[in-house]
Amino acid sequence: MSLLATTVSIILTFGTAAVIDHNKKESEKREIVMMVMYDMYTSLQAIQKADTMLYQAMLIQKQIAQDTTRLDELRFQLAHLIPTAGYTETTEHIFSSSIESINTVGNVLFTENVAKFYQTRNGYKTMVCDSIWDNIAKKSPMNSINHILDFSYFDYAALCSGYMDNMQHLFEQCQQMMDVTDEEIETYCKARQQIEVSMKGADAESSLKMKELMQLQKEIDKARNYQ
């Protein structure tokens, strides 16, 4: 009986430890997956915004072509419709450079799709965002009607749309692979946004404190100069 009790105790101890370890790994896996899915989701939002901006730029081009007297009225609007990346590459660097993260997820197809997503995103940044800013710097399209009308927003809009469609497809595939619902992504987004808001509040407090310190130092320096 004593031997049986000892054996059962050992089984329960190691069995419980195994269950705890398994649950911990599953939790870590889910957190990594949600982190990557959130990054993909917010990247798509940024690119969708850029797609809308480029479409609006083409509409303004059309309005100027139809009525050149509206140049001064519309030029300012057009100047604010130049897309930027609108996302950070922090998660990409964390996931891509950590073999531990990849092993924790344990899904080769998911990893491949994420890599393709980031490659496509980098292509978008280079071929759309960086290229349009370089082109604007070279051609100064806002300087005249001819420059505005000759500037090919269409090329960038077509590229942006193509990249966005490809990335959306990869994102949806990753959702299916890892069984991540839209509701889970929405919940995770809200949680992350709350964290980011609280961090901004902390940054604002830190900035205010620094201003107070700088002002105090000025007062000290001023007082010393009077001596």
C-alpha atoms as a PDB file:
ATOM      1  CA  MET A   1       0.000   0.000   0.000  1.00  0.00           C
ATOM      2  CA  SER A   2       2.858   2.319   0.881  1.00  0.00           C
ATOM      3  CA  LEU A   3       4.523   1.622  -2.490  1.00  0.00           C
ATOM      4  CA  LEU A   4       1.230   2.169  -4.312  1.00  0.00           C
ATOM      5  CA  ALA A   5       0.658   5.454  -2.494  1.00  0.00           C
ATOM      6  CA  THR A   6       4.181   6.599  -3.342  1.00  0.00           C
ATOM      7  CA  THR A   7       3.722   5.640  -7.002  1.00  0.00           C
ATOM      8  CA  VAL A   8       0.402   7.463  -7.244  1.00  0.00           C
ATOM      9  CA  SER A   9       1.942  10.494  -5.568  1.00  0.00           C
ATOM     10  CA  ILE A  10       4.809  10.560  -8.076  1.00  0.00           C
ATOM     11  CA  ILE A  11       2.420  10.176 -11.013  1.00  0.00           C
ATOM     12  CA  LEU A  12       0.204  12.967  -9.714  1.00  0.00           C
ATOM     13  CA  THR A  13       3.175  15.243  -9.085  1.00  0.00           C
ATOM     14  CA  PHE A  14       4.766  14.766 -12.487  1.00  0.00           C
ATOM     15  CA  GLY A  15       1.397  14.656 -14.226  1.00  0.00           C
ATOM     16  CA  THR A  16       0.357  17.950 -12.675  1.00  0.00           C
ATOM     17  CA  ALA A  17       3.707  19.519 -13.560  1.00  0.00           C
ATOM     18  CA  ALA A  18       3.327  18.309 -17.159  1.00  0.00           C
ATOM     19  CA  VAL A  19      -0.169  19.799 -17.400  1.00  0.00           C
ATOM     20  CA  ILE A  20       1.024  23.109 -15.965  1.00  0.00           C
ATOM     21  CA  ASP A  21       3.983  23.180 -18.365  1.00  0.00           C
ATOM     22  CA  HIS A  22       1.724  22.355 -21.321  1.00  0.00           C
ATOM     23  CA  ASN A  23      -0.754  25.096 -20.381  1.00  0.00           C
ATOM     24  CA  LYS A  24       2.091  27.577 -19.973  1.00  0.00           C
ATOM     25  CA  LYS A  25       3.456  26.747 -23.432  1.00  0.00           C
ATOM     26  CA  GLU A  26       0.004  27.014 -24.986  1.00  0.00           C
ATOM     27  CA  SER A  27      -0.492  30.399 -23.318  1.00  0.00           C
ATOM     28  CA  GLU A  28       2.883  31.643 -24.583  1.00  0.00           C
ATOM     29  CA  LYS A  29       2.103  30.329 -28.059  1.00  0.00           C
ATOM     30  CA  ARG A  30      -1.240  32.129 -28.128  1.00  0.00           C
ATOM     31  CA  GLU A  31       0.308  35.372 -26.926  1.00  0.00           C
ATOM     32  CA  ILE A  32       2.948  35.284 -29.682  1.00  0.00           C
ATOM     33  CA  VAL A  33       0.317  34.477 -32.315  1.00  0.00           C
ATOM     34  CA  MET A  34      -1.942  37.312 -31.149  1.00  0.00           C
ATOM     35  CA  MET A  35       0.989  39.730 -31.060  1.00  0.00           C
ATOM     36  CA  VAL A  36       1.817  38.917 -34.685  1.00  0.00           C
ATOM     37  CA  MET A  37      -1.827  38.970 -35.799  1.00  0.00           C
ATOM     38  CA  TYR A  38      -2.274  42.368 -34.158  1.00  0.00           C
ATOM     39  CA  ASP A  39       0.776  43.689 -36.003  1.00  0.00           C
ATOM     40  CA  MET A  40      -0.563  42.347 -39.297  1.00  0.00           C
ATOM     41  CA  TYR A  41      -4.002  43.807 -38.600  1.00  0.00           C
ATOM     42  CA  THR A  42      -2.726  47.303 -37.758  1.00  0.00           C
ATOM     43  CA  SER A  43      -0.372  47.211 -40.762  1.00  0.00           C
ATOM     44  CA  LEU A  44      -3.324  46.465 -43.035  1.00  0.00           C
ATOM     45  CA  GLN A  45      -5.251  49.348 -41.502  1.00  0.00           C
ATOM     46  CA  ALA A  46      -2.345  51.692 -42.261  1.00  0.00           C
ATOM     47  CA  ILE A  47      -2.119  50.477 -45.856  1.00  0.00           C
ATOM     48  CA  GLN A  48      -5.880  50.752 -46.328  1.00  0.00           C
ATOM     49  CA  LYS A  49      -5.593  54.367 -45.181  1.00  0.00           C
ATOM     50  CA  ALA A  50      -2.810  54.940 -47.731  1.00  0.00           C
ATOM     51  CA  ASP A  51      -4.941  53.324 -50.439  1.00  0.00           C
ATOM     52  CA  THR A  52      -7.771  55.741 -49.645  1.00  0.00           C
ATOM     53  CA  MET A  53      -5.389  58.717 -49.675  1.00  0.00           C
ATOM     54  CA  LEU A  54      -4.035  57.831 -53.110  1.00  0.00           C
ATOM     55  CA  TYR A  55      -7.550  57.416 -54.480  1.00  0.00           C
ATOM     56  CA  GLN A  56      -8.478  60.826 -53.078  1.00  0.00           C
ATOM     57  CA  ALA A  57      -5.322  62.301 -54.659  1.00  0.00           C
ATOM     58  CA  MET A  58      -6.451  61.016 -58.048  1.00  0.00           C
ATOM     59  CA  LEU A  59      -9.891  62.553 -57.517  1.00  0.00           C
ATOM     60  CA  ILE A  60      -8.259  65.915 -56.800  1.00  0.00           C
ATOM     61  CA  GLN A  61      -6.087  65.532 -59.899  1.00  0.00           C
ATOM     62  CA  LYS A  62      -9.278  65.044 -61.875  1.00  0.00           C
ATOM     63  CA  GLN A  63     -10.892  68.135 -60.320  1.00  0.00           C
ATOM     64  CA  ILE A  64      -7.866  70.289 -61.142  1.00  0.00           C
ATOM     65  CA  ALA A  65      -7.771  68.942 -64.718  1.00  0.00           C
ATOM     66  CA  GLN A  66     -11.461  69.801 -65.129  1.00  0.00           C
ATOM     67  CA  ASP A  67     -11.146  73.284 -63.615  1.00  0.00           C
ATOM     68  CA  THR A  68      -7.632  74.721 -63.379  1.00  0.00           C
ATOM     69  CA  THR A  69      -8.918  77.790 -61.530  1.00  0.00           C
ATOM     70  CA  ARG A  70      -9.287  75.558 -58.454  1.00  0.00           C
ATOM     71  CA  LEU A  71      -5.531  74.904 -58.286  1.00  0.00           C
ATOM     72  CA  ASP A  72      -4.834  77.046 -55.229  1.00  0.00           C
ATOM     73  CA  GLU A  73      -7.912  75.688 -53.461  1.00  0.00           C
ATOM     74  CA  LEU A  74      -7.016  72.031 -54.037  1.00  0.00           C
ATOM     75  CA  ARG A  75      -3.215  72.085 -53.985  1.00  0.00           C
ATOM     76  CA  PHE A  76      -3.097  72.260 -50.191  1.00  0.00           C
ATOM     77  CA  GLN A  77      -5.398  69.221 -49.900  1.00  0.00           C
ATOM     78  CA  LEU A  78      -3.275  67.288 -52.366  1.00  0.00           C
ATOM     79  CA  ALA A  79      -0.106  67.999 -50.413  1.00  0.00           C
ATOM     80  CA  HIS A  80      -1.611  66.217 -47.394  1.00  0.00           C
ATOM     81  CA  LEU A  81      -2.403  63.040 -49.295  1.00  0.00           C
ATOM     82  CA  ILE A  82       1.076  61.534 -49.365  1.00  0.00           C
ATOM     83  CA  PRO A  83       1.143  58.139 -47.618  1.00  0.00           C
ATOM     84  CA  THR A  84       3.714  57.070 -45.056  1.00  0.00           C
ATOM     85  CA  ALA A  85       4.340  53.575 -43.687  1.00  0.00           C
ATOM     86  CA  GLY A  86       2.182  54.211 -40.611  1.00  0.00           C
ATOM     87  CA  TYR A  87       3.416  51.157 -38.698  1.00  0.00           C
ATOM     88  CA  THR A  88       6.434  50.039 -36.686  1.00  0.00           C
ATOM     89  CA  GLU A  89       8.670  47.051 -37.423  1.00  0.00           C
ATOM     90  CA  THR A  90       9.201  46.082 -33.771  1.00  0.00           C
ATOM     91  CA  THR A  91       7.104  42.902 -33.852  1.00  0.00           C
ATOM     92  CA  GLU A  92       8.632  41.830 -37.155  1.00  0.00           C
ATOM     93  CA  HIS A  93      12.134  42.085 -35.685  1.00  0.00           C
ATOM     94  CA  ILE A  94      11.118  40.252 -32.500  1.00  0.00           C
ATOM     95  CA  PHE A  95       9.409  37.395 -34.323  1.00  0.00           C
ATOM     96  CA  SER A  96      11.826  37.046 -37.228  1.00  0.00           C
ATOM     97  CA  SER A  97      14.985  37.150 -35.113  1.00  0.00           C
ATOM     98  CA  SER A  98      13.813  34.836 -32.315  1.00  0.00           C
ATOM     99  CA  ILE A  99      14.009  31.134 -33.106  1.00  0.00           C
ATOM    100  CA  GLU A 100      12.480  30.540 -29.673  1.00  0.00           C
ATOM    101  CA  SER A 101       9.317  32.414 -30.669  1.00  0.00           C
ATOM    102  CA  ILE A 102       9.087  30.482 -33.924  1.00  0.00           C
ATOM    103  CA  ASN A 103       9.581  27.163 -32.104  1.00  0.00           C
ATOM    104  CA  THR A 104       6.954  28.107 -29.514  1.00  0.00           C
ATOM    105  CA  VAL A 105       4.371  28.725 -32.234  1.00  0.00           C
ATOM    106  CA  GLY A 106       5.343  25.410 -33.820  1.00  0.00           C
ATOM    107  CA  ASN A 107       3.516  25.926 -37.118  1.00  0.00           C
ATOM    108  CA  VAL A 108       5.772  26.047 -40.175  1.00  0.00           C
ATOM    109  CA  LEU A 109       3.051  27.232 -42.556  1.00  0.00           C
ATOM    110  CA  PHE A 110       2.090  30.070 -40.207  1.00  0.00           C
ATOM    111  CA  THR A 111       5.744  31.127 -39.939  1.00  0.00           C
ATOM    112  CA  GLU A 112       6.119  31.055 -43.736  1.00  0.00           C
ATOM    113  CA  ASN A 113       2.988  33.129 -44.229  1.00  0.00           C
ATOM    114  CA  VAL A 114       4.100  35.680 -41.646  1.00  0.00           C
ATOM    115  CA  ALA A 115       7.472  35.926 -43.418  1.00  0.00           C
ATOM    116  CA  LYS A 116       5.694  36.472 -46.756  1.00  0.00           C
ATOM    117  CA  PHE A 117       3.476  39.113 -45.143  1.00  0.00           C
ATOM    118  CA  TYR A 118       6.479  41.033 -43.848  1.00  0.00           C
ATOM    119  CA  GLN A 119       8.299  40.716 -47.177  1.00  0.00           C
ATOM    120  CA  THR A 120       5.241  42.132 -48.922  1.00  0.00           C
ATOM    121  CA  ARG A 121       4.947  44.904 -46.341  1.00  0.00           C
ATOM    122  CA  ASN A 122       8.597  45.832 -46.911  1.00  0.00           C
ATOM    123  CA  GLY A 123       7.916  45.889 -50.644  1.00  0.00           C
ATOM    124  CA  TYR A 124       4.991  48.239 -50.063  1.00  0.00           C
ATOM    125  CA  LYS A 125       7.146  50.584 -47.980  1.00  0.00           C
ATOM    126  CA  THR A 126       9.904  50.652 -50.604  1.00  0.00           C
ATOM    127  CA  MET A 127       7.813  50.783 -53.780  1.00  0.00           C
ATOM    128  CA  VAL A 128       4.999  53.016 -52.538  1.00  0.00           C
ATOM    129  CA  CYS A 129       5.939  55.114 -49.492  1.00  0.00           C
ATOM    130  CA  ASP A 130       9.657  55.643 -50.057  1.00  0.00           C
ATOM    131  CA  SER A 131       9.289  55.899 -53.819  1.00  0.00           C
ATOM    132  CA  ILE A 132       6.532  58.508 -53.784  1.00  0.00           C
ATOM    133  CA  TRP A 133       8.450  60.713 -51.354  1.00  0.00           C
ATOM    134  CA  ASP A 134      11.621  60.424 -53.470  1.00  0.00           C
ATOM    135  CA  ASN A 135       9.637  61.233 -56.607  1.00  0.00           C
ATOM    136  CA  ILE A 136       8.010  64.248 -54.984  1.00  0.00           C
ATOM    137  CA  ALA A 137      11.397  65.519 -53.827  1.00  0.00           C
ATOM    138  CA  LYS A 138      12.751  65.228 -57.398  1.00  0.00           C
ATOM    139  CA  LYS A 139       9.775  66.541 -59.357  1.00  0.00           C
ATOM    140  CA  SER A 140       8.149  69.006 -56.910  1.00  0.00           C
ATOM    141  CA  PRO A 141       4.686  68.242 -58.335  1.00  0.00           C
ATOM    142  CA  MET A 142       2.946  70.989 -56.337  1.00  0.00           C
ATOM    143  CA  ASN A 143       4.837  73.760 -58.149  1.00  0.00           C
ATOM    144  CA  SER A 144       2.613  73.972 -61.219  1.00  0.00           C
ATOM    145  CA  ILE A 145      -0.532  72.612 -62.836  1.00  0.00           C
ATOM    146  CA  ASN A 146       1.443  70.597 -65.360  1.00  0.00           C
ATOM    147  CA  HIS A 147       3.575  69.005 -62.651  1.00  0.00           C
ATOM    148  CA  ILE A 148       0.500  68.100 -60.622  1.00  0.00           C
ATOM    149  CA  LEU A 149      -1.319  66.587 -63.580  1.00  0.00           C
ATOM    150  CA  ASP A 150       1.759  64.733 -64.844  1.00  0.00           C
ATOM    151  CA  PHE A 151       2.489  63.141 -61.471  1.00  0.00           C
ATOM    152  CA  SER A 152       1.380  59.496 -61.665  1.00  0.00           C
ATOM    153  CA  TYR A 153      -0.635  58.831 -58.523  1.00  0.00           C
ATOM    154  CA  PHE A 154      -2.212  55.995 -60.493  1.00  0.00           C
ATOM    155  CA  ASP A 155       1.020  53.962 -60.453  1.00  0.00           C
ATOM    156  CA  TYR A 156       1.258  54.206 -56.677  1.00  0.00           C
ATOM    157  CA  ALA A 157      -2.456  53.562 -56.170  1.00  0.00           C
ATOM    158  CA  ALA A 158      -2.269  50.408 -58.294  1.00  0.00           C
ATOM    159  CA  LEU A 159       0.813  49.166 -56.441  1.00  0.00           C
ATOM    160  CA  CYS A 160      -0.730  49.927 -53.056  1.00  0.00           C
ATOM    161  CA  SER A 161      -3.926  48.101 -53.931  1.00  0.00           C
ATOM    162  CA  GLY A 162      -1.977  45.059 -55.120  1.00  0.00           C
ATOM    163  CA  TYR A 163       0.159  44.879 -51.992  1.00  0.00           C
ATOM    164  CA  MET A 164      -2.900  45.347 -49.788  1.00  0.00           C
ATOM    165  CA  ASP A 165      -4.851  42.533 -51.457  1.00  0.00           C
ATOM    166  CA  ASN A 166      -1.895  40.152 -51.144  1.00  0.00           C
ATOM    167  CA  MET A 167      -1.342  41.001 -47.484  1.00  0.00           C
ATOM    168  CA  GLN A 168      -5.052  40.681 -46.698  1.00  0.00           C
ATOM    169  CA  HIS A 169      -5.027  37.184 -48.196  1.00  0.00           C
ATOM    170  CA  LEU A 170      -1.994  36.176 -46.103  1.00  0.00           C
ATOM    171  CA  PHE A 171      -3.591  37.639 -42.985  1.00  0.00           C
ATOM    172  CA  GLU A 172      -6.797  35.659 -43.491  1.00  0.00           C
ATOM    173  CA  GLN A 173      -4.804  32.464 -44.083  1.00  0.00           C
ATOM    174  CA  CYS A 174      -2.946  33.014 -40.790  1.00  0.00           C
ATOM    175  CA  GLN A 175      -6.267  33.522 -39.027  1.00  0.00           C
ATOM    176  CA  GLN A 176      -7.537  30.191 -40.308  1.00  0.00           C
ATOM    177  CA  MET A 177      -4.302  28.336 -39.535  1.00  0.00           C
ATOM    178  CA  MET A 178      -4.241  29.447 -35.909  1.00  0.00           C
ATOM    179  CA  ASP A 179      -8.013  29.545 -35.417  1.00  0.00           C
ATOM    180  CA  VAL A 180      -8.064  33.257 -34.525  1.00  0.00           C
ATOM    181  CA  THR A 181     -11.479  34.902 -34.785  1.00  0.00           C
ATOM    182  CA  ASP A 182     -12.257  38.523 -35.669  1.00  0.00           C
ATOM    183  CA  GLU A 183     -13.684  38.926 -32.164  1.00  0.00           C
ATOM    184  CA  GLU A 184     -10.396  37.788 -30.580  1.00  0.00           C
ATOM    185  CA  ILE A 185      -8.430  40.257 -32.680  1.00  0.00           C
ATOM    186  CA  GLU A 186     -10.842  43.057 -31.779  1.00  0.00           C
ATOM    187  CA  THR A 187     -10.564  42.237 -28.060  1.00  0.00           C
ATOM    188  CA  TYR A 188      -6.769  42.067 -28.273  1.00  0.00           C
ATOM    189  CA  CYS A 189      -6.673  45.386 -30.152  1.00  0.00           C
ATOM    190  CA  LYS A 190      -8.737  47.098 -27.446  1.00  0.00           C
ATOM    191  CA  ALA A 191      -6.439  45.732 -24.734  1.00  0.00           C
ATOM    192  CA  ARG A 192      -3.329  46.913 -26.590  1.00  0.00           C
ATOM    193  CA  GLN A 193      -4.854  50.323 -27.233  1.00  0.00           C
ATOM    194  CA  GLN A 194      -5.590  50.735 -23.531  1.00  0.00           C
ATOM    195  CA  ILE A 195      -1.970  49.916 -22.734  1.00  0.00           C
ATOM    196  CA  GLU A 196      -0.752  52.389 -25.354  1.00  0.00           C
ATOM    197  CA  VAL A 197      -3.036  55.121 -23.965  1.00  0.00           C
ATOM    198  CA  SER A 198      -1.704  54.556 -20.447  1.00  0.00           C
ATOM    199  CA  MET A 199       1.869  54.647 -21.772  1.00  0.00           C
ATOM    200  CA  LYS A 200       1.189  57.942 -23.539  1.00  0.00           C
ATOM    201  CA  GLY A 201      -0.148  59.303 -20.270  1.00  0.00           C
ATOM    202  CA  ALA A 202       3.056  58.231 -18.514  1.00  0.00           C
ATOM    203  CA  ASP A 203       5.136  59.816 -21.290  1.00  0.00           C
ATOM    204  CA  ALA A 204       3.180  63.065 -20.909  1.00  0.00           C
ATOM    205  CA  GLU A 205       3.818  63.079 -17.159  1.00  0.00           C
ATOM    206  CA  SER A 206       7.511  62.412 -17.765  1.00  0.00           C
ATOM    207  CA  SER A 207       7.662  65.250 -20.295  1.00  0.00           C
ATOM    208  CA  LEU A 208       5.942  67.620 -17.866  1.00  0.00           C
ATOM    209  CA  LYS A 209       8.379  66.637 -15.120  1.00  0.00           C
ATOM    210  CA  MET A 210      11.309  67.305 -17.441  1.00  0.00           C
ATOM    211  CA  LYS A 211       9.940  70.754 -18.285  1.00  0.00           C
ATOM    212  CA  GLU A 212       9.624  71.519 -14.579  1.00  0.00           C
ATOM    213  CA  LEU A 213      13.223  70.433 -14.004  1.00  0.00           C
ATOM    214  CA  MET A 214      14.456  72.558 -16.918  1.00  0.00           C
ATOM    215  CA  GLN A 215      12.532  75.576 -15.633  1.00  0.00           C
ATOM    216  CA  LEU A 216      13.948  75.039 -12.154  1.00  0.00           C
ATOM    217  CA  GLN A 217      17.470  74.860 -13.582  1.00  0.00           C
ATOM    218  CA  LYS A 218      16.891  78.144 -15.437  1.00  0.00           C
ATOM    219  CA  GLU A 219      15.801  79.778 -12.209  1.00  0.00           C
ATOM    220  CA  ILE A 220      18.897  78.445 -10.428  1.00  0.00           C
ATOM    221  CA  ASP A 221      21.155  79.750 -13.204  1.00  0.00           C
ATOM    222  CA  LYS A 222      19.385  83.115 -13.138  1.00  0.00           C
ATOM    223  CA  ALA A 223      19.772  83.394  -9.381  1.00  0.00           C
ATOM    224  CA  ARG A 224      23.475  82.531  -9.617  1.00  0.00           C
ATOM    225  CA  ASN A 225      24.040  85.251 -12.200  1.00  0.00           C
ATOM    226  CA  TYR A 226      22.685  87.844  -9.792  1.00  0.00           C
ATOM    227  CA  GLN A 227      25.301  87.005  -7.189  1.00  0.00           C
END
